[in-house]
């Protein structure tokens, strides 16, 4: 997540966050990147986490809306983008 987006969302680097979509959520540590290295209002997630595909768990696809917030307190909606680097989406 971009630094500006993280600040606006009230989360910090290495915080445990929950990403929630229409069908479910995943909880993981946050990595904050400089604004120049990440698109604002975008989150990147791995393709798979635990036993299954993240997009199935969340009930969304690349470009879908999710909310991101401190674990258990999902808050500000962030836009998943279309970047597929490292096999995942933003």
N, C-alpha and C. Protein backbone atom coordinates (compact mmCIF):
# COMPACT_ATOMS: atom_id res chain seq x y z
N UNK A 1 0.85 -1.16 0.00
CA UNK A 1 0.00 0.00 0.00
C UNK A 1 0.90 1.23 0.00
N UNK A 2 0.49 2.25 -0.72
CA UNK A 2 1.25 3.51 -0.77
C UNK A 2 1.19 4.20 0.59
N UNK A 3 2.27 4.92 0.92
CA UNK A 3 2.37 5.59 2.21
C UNK A 3 1.20 6.54 2.46
N UNK A 4 0.82 7.32 1.46
CA UNK A 4 -0.29 8.27 1.62
C UNK A 4 -1.60 7.56 1.88
N UNK A 5 -1.83 6.45 1.20
CA UNK A 5 -3.05 5.67 1.39
C UNK A 5 -3.06 5.05 2.78
N UNK A 6 -1.92 4.53 3.21
CA UNK A 6 -1.83 3.95 4.55
C UNK A 6 -2.12 5.00 5.62
N UNK A 7 -1.54 6.18 5.46
CA UNK A 7 -1.76 7.25 6.43
C UNK A 7 -3.24 7.63 6.48
N UNK A 8 -3.86 7.78 5.30
CA UNK A 8 -5.28 8.13 5.24
C UNK A 8 -6.16 7.03 5.82
N UNK A 9 -5.69 5.78 5.75
CA UNK A 9 -6.44 4.64 6.28
C UNK A 9 -6.18 4.39 7.75
N UNK A 10 -5.20 5.11 8.32
CA UNK A 10 -4.90 4.95 9.73
C UNK A 10 -4.13 3.69 10.06
N UNK A 11 -3.35 3.18 9.09
CA UNK A 11 -2.55 1.99 9.33
C UNK A 11 -1.09 2.29 9.02
N UNK A 12 -0.19 1.52 9.61
CA UNK A 12 1.24 1.76 9.46
C UNK A 12 1.94 0.50 8.97
N UNK A 13 3.16 0.68 8.48
CA UNK A 13 3.97 -0.44 8.01
C UNK A 13 4.08 -1.50 9.10
N UNK A 14 3.95 -2.74 8.72
CA UNK A 14 4.05 -3.92 9.59
C UNK A 14 2.82 -4.12 10.47
N UNK A 15 1.83 -3.25 10.38
CA UNK A 15 0.58 -3.45 11.13
C UNK A 15 -0.14 -4.68 10.59
N UNK A 16 -0.87 -5.35 11.43
CA UNK A 16 -1.71 -6.46 10.98
C UNK A 16 -3.03 -5.85 10.52
N UNK A 17 -3.36 -6.07 9.24
CA UNK A 17 -4.58 -5.50 8.66
C UNK A 17 -5.50 -6.60 8.16
N UNK A 18 -6.76 -6.25 8.04
CA UNK A 18 -7.75 -7.14 7.44
C UNK A 18 -8.23 -6.51 6.15
N UNK A 19 -8.18 -7.29 5.09
CA UNK A 19 -8.70 -6.88 3.78
C UNK A 19 -10.01 -7.64 3.60
N UNK A 20 -11.09 -6.91 3.39
CA UNK A 20 -12.42 -7.52 3.32
C UNK A 20 -13.07 -7.25 1.98
N UNK A 21 -13.60 -8.31 1.38
CA UNK A 21 -14.35 -8.21 0.13
C UNK A 21 -15.77 -8.68 0.36
N UNK A 22 -16.55 -8.80 -0.71
CA UNK A 22 -17.96 -9.20 -0.57
C UNK A 22 -18.17 -10.57 0.05
N UNK A 23 -17.22 -11.50 -0.12
CA UNK A 23 -17.42 -12.86 0.35
C UNK A 23 -16.63 -13.22 1.61
N UNK A 24 -15.64 -12.43 1.97
CA UNK A 24 -14.83 -12.80 3.13
C UNK A 24 -13.66 -11.88 3.30
N UNK A 25 -12.71 -12.29 4.13
CA UNK A 25 -11.57 -11.43 4.42
C UNK A 25 -10.31 -12.25 4.63
N UNK A 26 -9.18 -11.56 4.52
CA UNK A 26 -7.88 -12.13 4.85
C UNK A 26 -7.18 -11.14 5.78
N UNK A 27 -6.39 -11.67 6.69
CA UNK A 27 -5.65 -10.84 7.63
C UNK A 27 -4.17 -11.13 7.43
N UNK A 28 -3.39 -10.07 7.32
CA UNK A 28 -1.97 -10.21 7.03
C UNK A 28 -1.22 -8.96 7.42
N UNK A 29 0.13 -9.04 7.50
CA UNK A 29 0.91 -7.83 7.80
C UNK A 29 0.94 -6.90 6.61
N UNK A 30 0.94 -5.62 6.88
CA UNK A 30 0.95 -4.60 5.83
C UNK A 30 2.37 -4.19 5.50
N UNK A 31 2.64 -4.01 4.24
CA UNK A 31 3.90 -3.43 3.79
C UNK A 31 3.58 -2.10 3.13
N UNK A 32 4.08 -1.02 3.69
CA UNK A 32 3.87 0.31 3.14
C UNK A 32 5.05 0.66 2.26
N UNK A 33 4.76 1.14 1.05
CA UNK A 33 5.78 1.54 0.09
C UNK A 33 5.72 3.04 -0.14
N UNK A 34 6.83 3.63 -0.58
CA UNK A 34 6.80 5.06 -0.92
C UNK A 34 5.73 5.33 -1.97
N UNK A 35 5.10 6.49 -1.90
CA UNK A 35 4.05 6.83 -2.87
C UNK A 35 4.54 6.71 -4.30
N UNK A 36 5.81 6.97 -4.56
CA UNK A 36 6.35 6.88 -5.92
C UNK A 36 6.40 5.43 -6.43
N UNK A 37 6.34 4.45 -5.51
CA UNK A 37 6.45 3.04 -5.89
C UNK A 37 5.13 2.29 -5.92
N UNK A 38 4.03 2.94 -5.53
CA UNK A 38 2.74 2.26 -5.46
C UNK A 38 1.63 3.24 -5.82
N UNK A 39 0.67 2.78 -6.57
CA UNK A 39 -0.45 3.62 -6.98
C UNK A 39 -1.32 3.92 -5.76
N UNK A 40 -1.72 5.16 -5.63
CA UNK A 40 -2.57 5.56 -4.50
C UNK A 40 -3.90 4.81 -4.52
N UNK A 41 -4.46 4.57 -3.35
CA UNK A 41 -5.74 3.89 -3.19
C UNK A 41 -5.75 2.50 -3.81
N UNK A 42 -4.60 1.84 -3.74
CA UNK A 42 -4.45 0.50 -4.32
C UNK A 42 -3.79 -0.41 -3.30
N UNK A 43 -4.22 -1.65 -3.25
CA UNK A 43 -3.55 -2.65 -2.44
C UNK A 43 -3.12 -3.79 -3.35
N UNK A 44 -2.02 -4.40 -3.02
CA UNK A 44 -1.53 -5.58 -3.74
C UNK A 44 -1.60 -6.76 -2.80
N UNK A 45 -2.12 -7.87 -3.28
CA UNK A 45 -2.23 -9.08 -2.48
C UNK A 45 -1.62 -10.25 -3.25
N UNK A 46 -1.11 -11.24 -2.53
CA UNK A 46 -0.62 -12.43 -3.23
C UNK A 46 -1.79 -13.18 -3.87
N UNK A 47 -1.49 -13.97 -4.87
CA UNK A 47 -2.53 -14.75 -5.54
C UNK A 47 -3.15 -15.79 -4.61
N UNK A 48 -2.30 -16.45 -3.83
CA UNK A 48 -2.77 -17.49 -2.91
C UNK A 48 -2.31 -17.17 -1.50
N UNK A 49 -3.16 -17.51 -0.55
CA UNK A 49 -2.83 -17.36 0.85
C UNK A 49 -3.46 -18.52 1.59
N UNK A 50 -2.69 -19.19 2.40
CA UNK A 50 -3.25 -20.34 3.12
C UNK A 50 -3.62 -21.44 2.15
N UNK A 51 -4.84 -21.86 2.19
CA UNK A 51 -5.25 -23.02 1.40
C UNK A 51 -5.94 -22.67 0.09
N UNK A 52 -6.05 -21.40 -0.26
CA UNK A 52 -6.78 -21.11 -1.48
C UNK A 52 -6.48 -19.76 -2.09
N UNK A 53 -7.09 -19.53 -3.25
CA UNK A 53 -6.91 -18.26 -3.95
C UNK A 53 -7.53 -17.08 -3.19
N UNK A 54 -6.78 -16.01 -3.06
CA UNK A 54 -7.24 -14.84 -2.32
C UNK A 54 -8.50 -14.25 -2.94
N UNK A 55 -8.54 -14.17 -4.27
CA UNK A 55 -9.71 -13.56 -4.92
C UNK A 55 -10.99 -14.35 -4.63
N UNK A 56 -10.88 -15.67 -4.52
CA UNK A 56 -12.05 -16.48 -4.17
C UNK A 56 -12.46 -16.21 -2.73
N UNK A 57 -11.48 -16.17 -1.84
CA UNK A 57 -11.76 -15.89 -0.43
C UNK A 57 -12.45 -14.54 -0.27
N UNK A 58 -11.95 -13.53 -0.99
CA UNK A 58 -12.53 -12.19 -0.88
C UNK A 58 -13.82 -12.04 -1.67
N UNK A 59 -14.01 -12.87 -2.69
CA UNK A 59 -15.20 -12.75 -3.54
C UNK A 59 -15.09 -11.59 -4.51
N UNK A 60 -13.88 -11.32 -4.99
CA UNK A 60 -13.66 -10.22 -5.92
C UNK A 60 -12.59 -10.62 -6.93
N UNK A 61 -12.36 -9.76 -7.87
CA UNK A 61 -11.32 -9.98 -8.87
C UNK A 61 -10.43 -8.75 -8.93
N UNK A 62 -9.41 -8.81 -9.76
CA UNK A 62 -8.54 -7.66 -9.96
C UNK A 62 -9.41 -6.49 -10.40
N UNK A 63 -9.25 -5.35 -9.74
CA UNK A 63 -10.05 -4.17 -10.03
C UNK A 63 -11.26 -4.02 -9.13
N UNK A 64 -11.53 -5.05 -8.30
CA UNK A 64 -12.68 -4.99 -7.41
C UNK A 64 -12.39 -4.18 -6.16
N UNK A 65 -13.42 -3.70 -5.51
CA UNK A 65 -13.26 -2.90 -4.30
C UNK A 65 -13.19 -3.81 -3.08
N UNK A 66 -12.30 -3.44 -2.18
CA UNK A 66 -12.17 -4.09 -0.89
C UNK A 66 -12.00 -3.01 0.16
N UNK A 67 -12.21 -3.36 1.42
CA UNK A 67 -11.89 -2.41 2.48
C UNK A 67 -10.65 -2.92 3.21
N UNK A 68 -9.86 -1.98 3.72
CA UNK A 68 -8.62 -2.31 4.42
C UNK A 68 -8.60 -1.53 5.72
N UNK A 69 -8.31 -2.22 6.80
CA UNK A 69 -8.20 -1.54 8.08
C UNK A 69 -7.45 -2.39 9.08
N UNK A 70 -7.17 -1.81 10.22
CA UNK A 70 -6.51 -2.57 11.29
C UNK A 70 -7.29 -3.86 11.51
N UNK A 71 -6.60 -4.94 11.78
CA UNK A 71 -7.24 -6.25 11.93
C UNK A 71 -8.48 -6.15 12.80
N UNK A 72 -9.59 -6.62 12.27
CA UNK A 72 -10.85 -6.58 12.98
C UNK A 72 -11.61 -5.27 12.82
N UNK A 73 -10.99 -4.28 12.18
CA UNK A 73 -11.61 -2.96 12.03
C UNK A 73 -11.53 -2.48 10.59
N UNK A 74 -11.84 -3.33 9.62
CA UNK A 74 -11.72 -2.95 8.21
C UNK A 74 -12.43 -1.64 7.98
N UNK A 75 -11.73 -0.72 7.29
CA UNK A 75 -12.25 0.62 7.17
C UNK A 75 -12.31 1.14 5.76
N UNK A 76 -11.44 2.05 5.42
CA UNK A 76 -11.48 2.78 4.16
C UNK A 76 -11.42 1.85 2.95
N UNK A 77 -12.33 2.04 2.01
CA UNK A 77 -12.33 1.21 0.80
C UNK A 77 -11.14 1.57 -0.08
N UNK A 78 -10.46 0.57 -0.56
CA UNK A 78 -9.32 0.73 -1.47
C UNK A 78 -9.65 0.01 -2.76
N UNK A 79 -9.14 0.51 -3.86
CA UNK A 79 -9.39 -0.07 -5.17
C UNK A 79 -8.30 -1.06 -5.52
N UNK A 80 -8.67 -2.29 -5.81
CA UNK A 80 -7.70 -3.25 -6.34
C UNK A 80 -7.43 -2.87 -7.79
N UNK A 81 -6.18 -2.82 -8.19
CA UNK A 81 -5.81 -2.45 -9.55
C UNK A 81 -5.62 -3.64 -10.44
N UNK A 82 -5.03 -3.42 -11.61
CA UNK A 82 -4.91 -4.49 -12.60
C UNK A 82 -3.51 -5.03 -12.74
N UNK A 83 -2.56 -4.61 -11.91
CA UNK A 83 -1.18 -5.10 -12.00
C UNK A 83 -1.12 -6.55 -11.57
N UNK A 84 -0.47 -7.40 -12.33
CA UNK A 84 -0.38 -8.81 -12.03
C UNK A 84 1.04 -9.23 -11.64
N UNK A 85 1.93 -8.28 -11.23
CA UNK A 85 3.29 -8.69 -10.90
C UNK A 85 3.29 -9.68 -9.78
N UNK A 86 4.27 -10.54 -9.82
CA UNK A 86 4.47 -11.59 -8.82
C UNK A 86 3.24 -12.47 -8.67
N UNK A 87 2.43 -12.56 -9.71
CA UNK A 87 1.30 -13.49 -9.69
C UNK A 87 0.09 -13.01 -8.92
N UNK A 88 0.09 -11.77 -8.47
CA UNK A 88 -1.05 -11.28 -7.69
C UNK A 88 -1.67 -10.08 -8.34
N UNK A 89 -2.53 -9.44 -7.65
CA UNK A 89 -3.16 -8.21 -8.13
C UNK A 89 -3.05 -7.14 -7.09
N UNK A 90 -3.23 -5.94 -7.46
CA UNK A 90 -3.21 -4.84 -6.50
C UNK A 90 -4.57 -4.68 -5.91
